[in-house]
C-alpha atoms as a PDB file:
ATOM      1  CA  MET A   1      40.569  89.607  34.589  1.00  0.00           C
ATOM      2  CA  TRP A   2      42.401  86.381  34.315  1.00  0.00           C
ATOM      3  CA  LYS A   3      41.046  84.014  31.766  1.00  0.00           C
ATOM      4  CA  LYS A   4      41.854  80.217  31.409  1.00  0.00           C
ATOM      5  CA  THR A   5      41.704  79.123  27.794  1.00  0.00           C
ATOM      6  CA  HIS A   6      42.204  75.382  26.868  1.00  0.00           C
ATOM      7  CA  ASN A   7      43.281  74.006  23.294  1.00  0.00           C
ATOM      8  CA  SER A   8      42.201  70.586  22.207  1.00  0.00           C
ATOM      9  CA  ASN A   9      45.392  68.960  23.272  1.00  0.00           C
ATOM     10  CA  LYS A  10      44.514  70.069  27.260  1.00  0.00           C
ATOM     11  CA  ASN A  11      47.596  72.548  27.566  1.00  0.00           C
ATOM     12  CA  CYS A  12      46.219  75.379  29.560  1.00  0.00           C
ATOM     13  CA  HIS A  13      47.196  78.934  28.263  1.00  0.00           C
ATOM     14  CA  GLN A  14      46.240  81.976  30.509  1.00  0.00           C
ATOM     15  CA  SER A  15      45.593  84.990  28.615  1.00  0.00           C
ATOM     16  CA  ARG A  16      44.486  88.517  29.869  1.00  0.00           C
ATOM     17  CA  VAL A  17      40.776  90.043  28.780  1.00  0.00           C
ATOM     18  CA  ALA A  18      40.897  93.480  29.459  1.00  0.00           C
ATOM     19  CA  PRO A  19      37.726  95.727  29.372  1.00  0.00           C
ATOM     20  CA  GLY A  20      36.789  96.862  25.788  1.00  0.00           C
ATOM     21  CA  GLY A  21      38.317  93.318  24.578  1.00  0.00           C
ATOM     22  CA  ARG A  22      42.089  94.342  25.290  1.00  0.00           C
ATOM     23  CA  PHE A  23      43.820  91.353  25.403  1.00  0.00           C
ATOM     24  CA  GLU A  24      47.734  89.815  25.971  1.00  0.00           C
ATOM     25  CA  LEU A  25      49.388  87.291  24.818  1.00  0.00           C
ATOM     26  CA  PRO A  26      49.762  84.007  27.333  1.00  0.00           C
ATOM     27  CA  GLY A  27      52.187  84.114  29.951  1.00  0.00           C
ATOM     28  CA  PRO A  28      55.367  86.413  30.436  1.00  0.00           C
ATOM     29  CA  ARG A  29      56.062  89.001  27.613  1.00  0.00           C
ATOM     30  CA  GLY A  30      58.721  89.307  25.517  1.00  0.00           C
ATOM     31  CA  PRO A  31      60.222  87.171  22.103  1.00  0.00           C
ATOM     32  CA  HIS A  32      60.776  84.171  24.381  1.00  0.00           C
ATOM     33  CA  ALA A  33      57.409  84.332  25.410  1.00  0.00           C
ATOM     34  CA  LEU A  34      56.406  84.445  21.821  1.00  0.00           C
ATOM     35  CA  LYS A  35      58.380  81.888  20.312  1.00  0.00           C
ATOM     36  CA  GLY A  36      56.992  79.570  23.104  1.00  0.00           C
ATOM     37  CA  THR A  37      53.591  80.661  21.857  1.00  0.00           C
ATOM     38  CA  LEU A  38      53.939  79.808  18.385  1.00  0.00           C
ATOM     39  CA  LYS A  39      55.696  76.521  19.082  1.00  0.00           C
ATOM     40  CA  GLU A  40      52.361  75.422  20.702  1.00  0.00           C
ATOM     41  CA  PHE A  41      50.342  76.834  17.930  1.00  0.00           C
ATOM     42  CA  GLU A  42      52.495  74.754  15.318  1.00  0.00           C
ATOM     43  CA  ARG A  43      51.984  71.782  17.245  1.00  0.00           C
ATOM     44  CA  PHE A  44      48.537  72.705  17.349  1.00  0.00           C
ATOM     45  CA  CYS A  45      48.058  73.285  13.998  1.00  0.00           C
ATOM     46  CA  THR A  46      49.977  69.671  12.989  1.00  0.00           C
ATOM     47  CA  ILE A  47      48.576  67.497  15.205  1.00  0.00           C
ATOM     48  CA  ASP A  48      44.541  69.236  16.300  1.00  0.00           C
ATOM     49  CA  LEU A  49      43.888  70.077  12.709  1.00  0.00           C
ATOM     50  CA  ALA A  50      46.024  68.314  11.216  1.00  0.00           C
ATOM     51  CA  LEU A  51      47.457  70.592   8.806  1.00  0.00           C
ATOM     52  CA  SER A  52      50.227  70.129   6.545  1.00  0.00           C
ATOM     53  CA  ASP A  53      54.132  71.335   7.313  1.00  0.00           C
ATOM     54  CA  ALA A  54      53.413  73.297   4.045  1.00  0.00           C
ATOM     55  CA  THR A  55      50.388  74.860   5.328  1.00  0.00           C
ATOM     56  CA  VAL A  56      51.881  75.494   9.304  1.00  0.00           C
ATOM     57  CA  LYS A  57      55.374  76.448   9.021  1.00  0.00           C
ATOM     58  CA  GLY A  58      55.059  77.979   5.034  1.00  0.00           C
ATOM     59  CA  HIS A  59      52.303  79.892   6.096  1.00  0.00           C
ATOM     60  CA  HIS A  60      50.756  80.301   9.366  1.00  0.00           C
ATOM     61  CA  ILE A  61      53.845  80.888  11.381  1.00  0.00           C
ATOM     62  CA  PRO A  62      55.604  83.217   9.292  1.00  0.00           C
ATOM     63  CA  GLU A  63      52.259  85.083   9.001  1.00  0.00           C
ATOM     64  CA  MET A  64      52.015  85.206  12.751  1.00  0.00           C
ATOM     65  CA  ARG A  65      55.475  86.474  13.382  1.00  0.00           C
ATOM     66  CA  ARG A  66      54.931  89.187  10.736  1.00  0.00           C
ATOM     67  CA  PHE A  67      51.812  90.222  13.028  1.00  0.00           C
ATOM     68  CA  PHE A  68      53.573  90.433  15.993  1.00  0.00           C
ATOM     69  CA  LYS A  69      56.196  92.168  14.516  1.00  0.00           C
ATOM     70  CA  TRP A  70      54.047  94.746  13.149  1.00  0.00           C
ATOM     71  CA  LEU A  71      52.273  94.951  16.823  1.00  0.00           C
ATOM     72  CA  GLY A  72      55.407  95.339  18.782  1.00  0.00           C
ATOM     73  CA  ASN A  73      54.585  96.794  22.453  1.00  0.00           C
ATOM     74  CA  ARG A  74      50.756  97.416  21.534  1.00  0.00           C
ATOM     75  CA  GLU A  75      47.992  95.067  22.890  1.00  0.00           C
ATOM     76  CA  VAL A  76      46.448  92.666  20.870  1.00  0.00           C
ATOM     77  CA  THR A  77      42.714  93.998  19.770  1.00  0.00           C
ATOM     78  CA  THR A  78      40.249  93.749  17.289  1.00  0.00           C
ATOM     79  CA  GLU A  79      40.915  97.569  16.196  1.00  0.00           C
ATOM     80  CA  SER A  80      44.954  96.688  16.165  1.00  0.00           C
ATOM     81  CA  ILE A  81      44.101  93.380  13.548  1.00  0.00           C
ATOM     82  CA  ARG A  82      41.758  95.750  11.741  1.00  0.00           C
ATOM     83  CA  GLU A  83      44.912  98.241  11.260  1.00  0.00           C
ATOM     84  CA  TYR A  84      46.866  95.755  10.285  1.00  0.00           C
ATOM     85  CA  LEU A  85      45.134  94.170   8.037  1.00  0.00           C
ATOM     86  CA  GLU A  86      44.164  97.697   6.579  1.00  0.00           C
ATOM     87  CA  THR A  87      47.804  97.392   5.668  1.00  0.00           C
ATOM     88  CA  LEU A  88      47.231  94.780   3.129  1.00  0.00           C
ATOM     89  CA  LYS A  89      44.116  96.429   1.269  1.00  0.00           C
ATOM     90  CA  GLU A  90      46.767  96.471  -1.891  1.00  0.00           C
ATOM     91  CA  LYS A  91      47.586  93.109  -1.778  1.00  0.00           C
ATOM     92  CA  ALA A  92      45.660  90.547  -3.617  1.00  0.00           C
ATOM     93  CA  ALA A  93      42.199  89.139  -2.019  1.00  0.00           C
ATOM     94  CA  SER A  94      44.077  85.942  -1.828  1.00  0.00           C
ATOM     95  CA  THR A  95      46.749  87.414   0.400  1.00  0.00           C
ATOM     96  CA  ARG A  96      44.362  88.841   2.924  1.00  0.00           C
ATOM     97  CA  ALA A  97      42.324  85.863   2.941  1.00  0.00           C
ATOM     98  CA  ASN A  98      45.008  83.779   3.576  1.00  0.00           C
ATOM     99  CA  THR A  99      46.086  86.539   6.817  1.00  0.00           C
ATOM    100  CA  LEU A 100      42.153  85.973   8.194  1.00  0.00           C
ATOM    101  CA  LYS A 101      42.739  82.513   7.905  1.00  0.00           C
ATOM    102  CA  THR A 102      45.787  82.332   9.719  1.00  0.00           C
ATOM    103  CA  PHE A 103      44.580  84.581  12.003  1.00  0.00           C
ATOM    104  CA  ARG A 104      40.857  82.921  12.924  1.00  0.00           C
ATOM    105  CA  ARG A 105      43.582  79.428  13.574  1.00  0.00           C
ATOM    106  CA  PHE A 106      45.116  81.353  16.036  1.00  0.00           C
ATOM    107  CA  PHE A 107      42.736  83.647  17.643  1.00  0.00           C
ATOM    108  CA  ARG A 108      39.421  81.648  17.367  1.00  0.00           C
ATOM    109  CA  ASP A 109      40.669  78.196  17.524  1.00  0.00           C
ATOM    110  CA  TYR A 110      44.152  77.825  19.149  1.00  0.00           C
ATOM    111  CA  LEU A 111      43.310  80.586  22.371  1.00  0.00           C
ATOM    112  CA  LYS A 112      39.383  80.423  22.076  1.00  0.00           C
ATOM    113  CA  HIS A 113      39.519  83.940  21.846  1.00  0.00           C
ATOM    114  CA  GLY A 114      36.998  84.244  18.912  1.00  0.00           C
ATOM    115  CA  GLU A 115      35.551  87.567  19.454  1.00  0.00           C
ATOM    116  CA  LEU A 116      38.927  89.287  18.281  1.00  0.00           C
ATOM    117  CA  VAL A 117      38.325  87.945  14.836  1.00  0.00           C
ATOM    118  CA  ALA A 118      34.156  87.287  14.511  1.00  0.00           C
ATOM    119  CA  THR A 119      33.722  90.313  12.254  1.00  0.00           C
ATOM    120  CA  PHE A 120      36.186  90.087   9.766  1.00  0.00           C
ATOM    121  CA  LYS A 121      34.966  88.263   6.569  1.00  0.00           C
ATOM    122  CA  LEU A 122      36.892  86.885   4.265  1.00  0.00           C
ATOM    123  CA  PRO A 123      37.116  89.371   0.806  1.00  0.00           C
ATOM    124  CA  HIS A 124      35.685  87.958  -2.440  1.00  0.00           C
ATOM    125  CA  GLN A 125      37.652  86.528  -4.989  1.00  0.00           C
ATOM    126  CA  ASN A 126      36.836  87.525  -8.640  1.00  0.00           C
ATOM    127  CA  TYR A 127      37.685  84.963 -11.195  1.00  0.00           C
ATOM    128  CA  LYS A 128      40.495  85.749 -13.600  1.00  0.00           C
ATOM    129  CA  PRO A 129      40.757  83.407 -16.425  1.00  0.00           C
ATOM    130  CA  LYS A 130      44.584  82.504 -16.989  1.00  0.00           C
ATOM    131  CA  SER A 131      46.974  83.353 -18.955  1.00  0.00           C
ATOM    132  CA  ILE A 132      49.455  80.090 -19.701  1.00  0.00           C
ATOM    133  CA  PRO A 133      52.668  80.375 -21.504  1.00  0.00           C
ATOM    134  CA  ILE A 134      52.037  78.574 -24.959  1.00  0.00           C
ATOM    135  CA  LYS A 135      54.919  75.393 -25.694  1.00  0.00           C
ATOM    136  CA  GLU A 136      57.126  77.642 -27.875  1.00  0.00           C
ATOM    137  CA  GLN A 137      57.574  79.670 -24.908  1.00  0.00           C
ATOM    138  CA  LEU A 138      58.410  77.170 -23.022  1.00  0.00           C
ATOM    139  CA  GLN A 139      60.840  75.520 -25.465  1.00  0.00           C
ATOM    140  CA  LYS A 140      62.279  79.454 -25.323  1.00  0.00           C
ATOM    141  CA  PHE A 141      62.767  79.172 -21.576  1.00  0.00           C
ATOM    142  CA  TYR A 142      64.353  75.964 -22.062  1.00  0.00           C
ATOM    143  CA  ALA A 143      66.820  76.555 -24.629  1.00  0.00           C
ATOM    144  CA  ALA A 144      67.966  79.496 -21.934  1.00  0.00           C
ATOM    145  CA  LEU A 145      69.364  76.858 -19.410  1.00  0.00           C
ATOM    146  CA  LYS A 146      72.905  75.860 -19.776  1.00  0.00           C
ATOM    147  CA  SER A 147      73.303  73.246 -17.061  1.00  0.00           C
ATOM    148  CA  PRO A 148      71.884  69.783 -16.894  1.00  0.00           C
ATOM    149  CA  LYS A 149      70.613  70.469 -13.378  1.00  0.00           C
ATOM    150  CA  ASP A 150      68.442  73.464 -14.720  1.00  0.00           C
ATOM    151  CA  ARG A 151      67.201  71.455 -17.733  1.00  0.00           C
ATOM    152  CA  ALA A 152      66.610  68.664 -15.415  1.00  0.00           C
ATOM    153  CA  ILE A 153      64.389  70.495 -13.097  1.00  0.00           C
ATOM    154  CA  PHE A 154      62.514  72.381 -15.625  1.00  0.00           C
ATOM    155  CA  LEU A 155      61.664  69.269 -17.366  1.00  0.00           C
ATOM    156  CA  ILE A 156      60.637  67.586 -14.059  1.00  0.00           C
ATOM    157  CA  TYR A 157      58.003  69.997 -13.567  1.00  0.00           C
ATOM    158  CA  ALA A 158      56.656  70.931 -16.980  1.00  0.00           C
ATOM    159  CA  THR A 159      55.900  66.939 -17.347  1.00  0.00           C
ATOM    160  CA  THR A 160      54.872  65.673 -13.548  1.00  0.00           C
ATOM    161  CA  GLY A 161      52.384  68.616 -12.452  1.00  0.00           C
ATOM    162  CA  LEU A 162      54.051  68.701  -9.249  1.00  0.00           C
ATOM    163  CA  ARG A 163      53.958  71.585  -6.738  1.00  0.00           C
ATOM    164  CA  LYS A 164      57.133  73.395  -6.165  1.00  0.00           C
ATOM    165  CA  HIS A 165      57.343  72.243  -2.504  1.00  0.00           C
ATOM    166  CA  GLU A 166      56.486  68.605  -3.690  1.00  0.00           C
ATOM    167  CA  LEU A 167      59.836  68.542  -5.659  1.00  0.00           C
ATOM    168  CA  VAL A 168      62.329  69.517  -3.467  1.00  0.00           C
ATOM    169  CA  SER A 169      61.260  67.461  -0.924  1.00  0.00           C
ATOM    170  CA  LEU A 170      61.485  64.216  -2.843  1.00  0.00           C
ATOM    171  CA  ALA A 171      64.569  61.739  -2.131  1.00  0.00           C
ATOM    172  CA  LEU A 172      65.762  59.495  -4.786  1.00  0.00           C
ATOM    173  CA  LYS A 173      64.129  56.249  -3.782  1.00  0.00           C
ATOM    174  CA  GLU A 174      60.868  57.781  -4.322  1.00  0.00           C
ATOM    175  CA  ILE A 175      61.532  58.006  -8.022  1.00  0.00           C
ATOM    176  CA  ASP A 176      61.635  54.974 -10.662  1.00  0.00           C
ATOM    177  CA  LEU A 177      63.784  56.108 -13.687  1.00  0.00           C
ATOM    178  CA  GLU A 178      63.167  52.772 -15.510  1.00  0.00           C
ATOM    179  CA  ARG A 179      59.374  53.311 -15.286  1.00  0.00           C
ATOM    180  CA  ARG A 180      59.197  56.605 -14.870  1.00  0.00           C
ATOM    181  CA  ILE A 181      57.382  57.133 -11.974  1.00  0.00           C
ATOM    182  CA  ILE A 182      57.213  58.905  -8.631  1.00  0.00           C
ATOM    183  CA  LEU A 183      55.990  57.603  -5.809  1.00  0.00           C
ATOM    184  CA  PRO A 184      55.752  59.943  -2.696  1.00  0.00           C
ATOM    185  CA  LYS A 185      56.233  58.942   0.636  1.00  0.00           C
ATOM    186  CA  THR A 186      54.280  62.049   1.966  1.00  0.00           C
ATOM    187  CA  ASP A 187      50.644  61.586   3.239  1.00  0.00           C
ATOM    188  CA  GLY A 188      49.720  65.468   2.178  1.00  0.00           C
ATOM    189  CA  SER A 189      46.696  66.894   3.717  1.00  0.00           C
ATOM    190  CA  ARG A 190      42.591  67.117   2.983  1.00  0.00           C
ATOM    191  CA  THR A 191      43.315  68.432  -0.170  1.00  0.00           C
ATOM    192  CA  LYS A 192      46.165  67.898  -1.772  1.00  0.00           C
ATOM    193  CA  ARG A 193      47.622  64.404  -2.069  1.00  0.00           C
ATOM    194  CA  THR A 194      50.042  62.275  -4.480  1.00  0.00           C
ATOM    195  CA  TRP A 195      49.707  58.799  -5.126  1.00  0.00           C
ATOM    196  CA  ALA A 196      51.789  58.830  -8.458  1.00  0.00           C
ATOM    197  CA  THR A 197      52.913  61.233 -10.547  1.00  0.00           C
ATOM    198  CA  PHE A 198      55.042  60.759 -13.838  1.00  0.00           C
ATOM    199  CA  PHE A 199      57.492  61.998 -16.246  1.00  0.00           C
ATOM    200  CA  ASN A 200      58.374  61.684 -20.154  1.00  0.00           C
ATOM    201  CA  GLU A 201      61.448  60.350 -22.109  1.00  0.00           C
ATOM    202  CA  GLU A 202      62.934  64.286 -22.077  1.00  0.00           C
ATOM    203  CA  ALA A 203      62.319  64.253 -18.506  1.00  0.00           C
ATOM    204  CA  GLU A 204      63.906  61.119 -17.979  1.00  0.00           C
ATOM    205  CA  ARG A 205      67.332  61.904 -19.889  1.00  0.00           C
ATOM    206  CA  ALA A 206      67.856  65.678 -18.582  1.00  0.00           C
ATOM    207  CA  LEU A 207      67.673  63.536 -15.329  1.00  0.00           C
ATOM    208  CA  ARG A 208      70.295  60.930 -16.091  1.00  0.00           C
ATOM    209  CA  GLU A 209      72.331  62.959 -17.483  1.00  0.00           C
ATOM    210  CA  CYS A 210      72.254  65.024 -14.469  1.00  0.00           C
ATOM    211  CA  PHE A 211      72.615  62.339 -11.737  1.00  0.00           C
ATOM    212  CA  GLY A 212      75.441  61.169 -14.209  1.00  0.00           C
ATOM    213  CA  ARG A 213      77.835  64.257 -13.538  1.00  0.00           C
ATOM    214  CA  CYS A 214      76.612  64.042  -9.402  1.00  0.00           C
ATOM    215  CA  LYS A 215      79.378  62.386  -7.017  1.00  0.00           C
ATOM    216  CA  GLY A 216      78.024  60.833  -3.501  1.00  0.00           C
ATOM    217  CA  LEU A 217      73.929  60.699  -4.007  1.00  0.00           C
ATOM    218  CA  THR A 218      72.262  57.830  -2.305  1.00  0.00           C
ATOM    219  CA  SER A 219      68.959  57.211  -1.743  1.00  0.00           C
ATOM    220  CA  ASP A 220      67.946  59.250   1.131  1.00  0.00           C
ATOM    221  CA  SER A 221      69.491  62.022  -0.701  1.00  0.00           C
ATOM    222  CA  LYS A 222      67.030  65.186  -1.899  1.00  0.00           C
ATOM    223  CA  LEU A 223      66.240  65.272  -5.530  1.00  0.00           C
ATOM    224  CA  PHE A 224      66.946  68.579  -5.543  1.00  0.00           C
ATOM    225  CA  ALA A 225      67.555  72.153  -3.324  1.00  0.00           C
ATOM    226  CA  GLU A 226      64.854  75.005  -2.968  1.00  0.00           C
ATOM    227  CA  LYS A 227      67.693  77.115  -3.416  1.00  0.00           C
ATOM    228  CA  ALA A 228      68.589  75.394  -6.867  1.00  0.00           C
ATOM    229  CA  VAL A 229      65.105  75.451  -7.768  1.00  0.00           C
ATOM    230  CA  ARG A 230      64.897  79.336  -7.191  1.00  0.00           C
ATOM    231  CA  LYS A 231      67.559  79.591  -9.294  1.00  0.00           C
ATOM    232  CA  THR A 232      66.750  77.773 -12.303  1.00  0.00           C
ATOM    233  CA  PHE A 233      63.734  79.995 -12.573  1.00  0.00           C
ATOM    234  CA  LYS A 234      65.801  83.040 -12.082  1.00  0.00           C
ATOM    235  CA  ARG A 235      67.965  82.390 -14.789  1.00  0.00           C
ATOM    236  CA  GLY A 236      65.830  81.484 -17.232  1.00  0.00           C
ATOM    237  CA  GLN A 237      63.313  84.600 -16.470  1.00  0.00           C
ATOM    238  CA  GLU A 238      66.765  86.874 -17.143  1.00  0.00           C
ATOM    239  CA  ARG A 239      67.907  85.191 -20.493  1.00  0.00           C
ATOM    240  CA  ALA A 240      64.966  84.783 -21.908  1.00  0.00           C
ATOM    241  CA  GLY A 241      62.802  87.281 -21.127  1.00  0.00           C
ATOM    242  CA  ILE A 242      59.584  84.963 -20.265  1.00  0.00           C
ATOM    243  CA  HIS A 243      58.091  84.522 -16.907  1.00  0.00           C
ATOM    244  CA  ILE A 244      57.574  80.858 -15.855  1.00  0.00           C
ATOM    245  CA  THR A 245      57.703  79.628 -12.614  1.00  0.00           C
ATOM    246  CA  PRO A 246      56.599  76.088 -11.155  1.00  0.00           C
ATOM    247  CA  LYS A 247      53.495  77.069 -10.695  1.00  0.00           C
ATOM    248  CA  VAL A 248      52.744  78.106 -14.222  1.00  0.00           C
ATOM    249  CA  LEU A 249      54.311  74.710 -15.761  1.00  0.00           C
ATOM    250  CA  ARG A 250      52.023  73.033 -13.270  1.00  0.00           C
ATOM    251  CA  ASP A 251      49.264  75.243 -15.043  1.00  0.00           C
ATOM    252  CA  TRP A 252      50.757  74.616 -18.147  1.00  0.00           C
ATOM    253  CA  PHE A 253      50.376  70.712 -17.807  1.00  0.00           C
ATOM    254  CA  CYS A 254      46.730  70.617 -16.570  1.00  0.00           C
ATOM    255  CA  SER A 255      46.088  72.658 -19.444  1.00  0.00           C
ATOM    256  CA  GLU A 256      48.003  70.970 -21.792  1.00  0.00           C
ATOM    257  CA  MET A 257      47.071  67.126 -20.388  1.00  0.00           C
ATOM    258  CA  GLY A 258      43.215  68.617 -20.358  1.00  0.00           C
ATOM    259  CA  GLU A 259      43.912  69.335 -24.516  1.00  0.00           C
ATOM    260  CA  LEU A 260      45.317  65.863 -25.181  1.00  0.00           C
ATOM    261  CA  GLY A 261      42.108  64.242 -23.720  1.00  0.00           C
ATOM    262  CA  VAL A 262      42.677  63.461 -20.235  1.00  0.00           C
ATOM    263  CA  ALA A 263      39.810  63.320 -18.195  1.00  0.00           C
ATOM    264  CA  ASP A 264      40.118  65.795 -15.627  1.00  0.00           C
ATOM    265  CA  ARG A 265      39.824  63.515 -12.428  1.00  0.00           C
ATOM    266  CA  TYR A 266      42.895  61.747 -13.757  1.00  0.00           C
ATOM    267  CA  VAL A 267      44.418  65.215 -14.180  1.00  0.00           C
ATOM    268  CA  ASP A 268      43.707  65.908 -10.790  1.00  0.00           C
ATOM    269  CA  ALA A 269      45.233  62.466  -9.818  1.00  0.00           C
ATOM    270  CA  PHE A 270      48.587  63.452 -11.314  1.00  0.00           C
ATOM    271  CA  CYS A 271      48.610  66.743  -9.558  1.00  0.00           C
ATOM    272  CA  GLY A 272      47.658  65.303  -6.004  1.00  0.00           C
ATOM    273  CA  ARG A 273      44.826  67.113  -6.058  1.00  0.00           C
ATOM    274  CA  VAL A 274      41.614  65.135  -4.029  1.00  0.00           C
ATOM    275  CA  PRO A 275      39.192  63.910  -5.833  1.00  0.00           C
ATOM    276  CA  ARG A 276      35.627  65.781  -5.303  1.00  0.00           C
ATOM    277  CA  SER A 277      33.022  63.781  -7.656  1.00  0.00           C
ATOM    278  CA  ILE A 278      31.318  61.039  -6.314  1.00  0.00           C
ATOM    279  CA  LEU A 279      32.729  59.564  -9.774  1.00  0.00           C
ATOM    280  CA  ALA A 280      35.944  60.200  -9.072  1.00  0.00           C
ATOM    281  CA  ARG A 281      36.350  58.883  -4.882  1.00  0.00           C
ATOM    282  CA  HIS A 282      34.388  55.978  -5.776  1.00  0.00           C
ATOM    283  CA  TYR A 283      34.466  54.473  -9.302  1.00  0.00           C
ATOM    284  CA  THR A 284      37.779  55.160 -10.742  1.00  0.00           C
ATOM    285  CA  ASP A 285      40.821  53.451 -10.523  1.00  0.00           C
ATOM    286  CA  PHE A 286      43.739  55.524  -9.726  1.00  0.00           C
ATOM    287  CA  SER A 287      46.419  52.465  -9.447  1.00  0.00           C
ATOM    288  CA  PRO A 288      49.595  53.511 -10.699  1.00  0.00           C
ATOM    289  CA  GLU A 289      49.491  50.820 -13.450  1.00  0.00           C
ATOM    290  CA  ARG A 290      46.337  52.168 -14.888  1.00  0.00           C
ATOM    291  CA  LEU A 291      47.526  56.020 -14.133  1.00  0.00           C
ATOM    292  CA  LYS A 292      50.904  55.234 -16.219  1.00  0.00           C
ATOM    293  CA  ARG A 293      48.966  53.951 -19.268  1.00  0.00           C
ATOM    294  CA  ILE A 294      46.833  57.137 -19.095  1.00  0.00           C
ATOM    295  CA  TYR A 295      50.178  58.991 -18.964  1.00  0.00           C
ATOM    296  CA  ASP A 296      51.580  57.254 -21.362  1.00  0.00           C
ATOM    297  CA  SER A 297      49.116  57.098 -24.098  1.00  0.00           C
ATOM    298  CA  VAL A 298      48.769  60.483 -24.753  1.00  0.00           C
ATOM    299  CA  ARG A 299      52.622  61.326 -25.169  1.00  0.00           C
ATOM    300  CA  LEU A 300      52.676  64.503 -23.509  1.00  0.00           C
ATOM    301  CA  ARG A 301      55.725  66.705 -25.096  1.00  0.00           C
ATOM    302  CA  VAL A 302      57.368  70.071 -24.036  1.00  0.00           C
ATOM    303  CA  LEU A 303      60.208  70.160 -26.366  1.00  0.00           C
ATOM    304  CA  GLU A 304      58.548  68.773 -29.824  1.00  0.00           C
END
């Protein structure tokens, strides 16, 4: 039988549900139909669910493309979804959980066919204490970086707590070199939001040297390209033999700030995490001026 499915944008999708729970994508089959379906799914996630671009374009859409490529010409059923999830059993629990969350968004929330994924539970994720590099390891990694750009990228990650995508999305006009403050223009999401973060004098000097060698920059120019960031950490790892990434530097920043005596709610603010406690949400001053005083008072250093 044919059954109409409506999303909250009131766009109408026709999908075929056959006996036994077999399911077909809306409309004509083929790559063009799939492309259109994923485009509408992208709009649904962005507008209806208010998810961030990083979540939608960086995870949900690529994950659905991988699934449909694996699926080929077979029908979508609970069993075919189960078979796909079985191919991920050697992956980390977080990876399998993220895949299932994407399927719930697509089949349950977007296409209104929750029965396809109703039996699947999120895998239990055991807590594993993190191993964070010590400052001497960061210094060895930094010493292996030869170009001003590589060193600026490394230090800005180490001293701001920014996520990888947040740095590459920054424009020069969002950076105040004189006050050593970063004020992103993005709105963020329900759990991720950067009001203001800062960098120390080491990062400031590296940025000034880097910018001094770049020509034709405007206020709208991006700070660094994602490709440049990727190459920076690849070169550093190959030369120093130490595994350090933007995520590792973010972890180090949080740990170091805690050891320097900064309260968790302020570390969360520097890192763009939405406050969780009542005290942090309603009774804490998160103005850039106050945050900068707290940041400067602990004298965060990477190279000393």
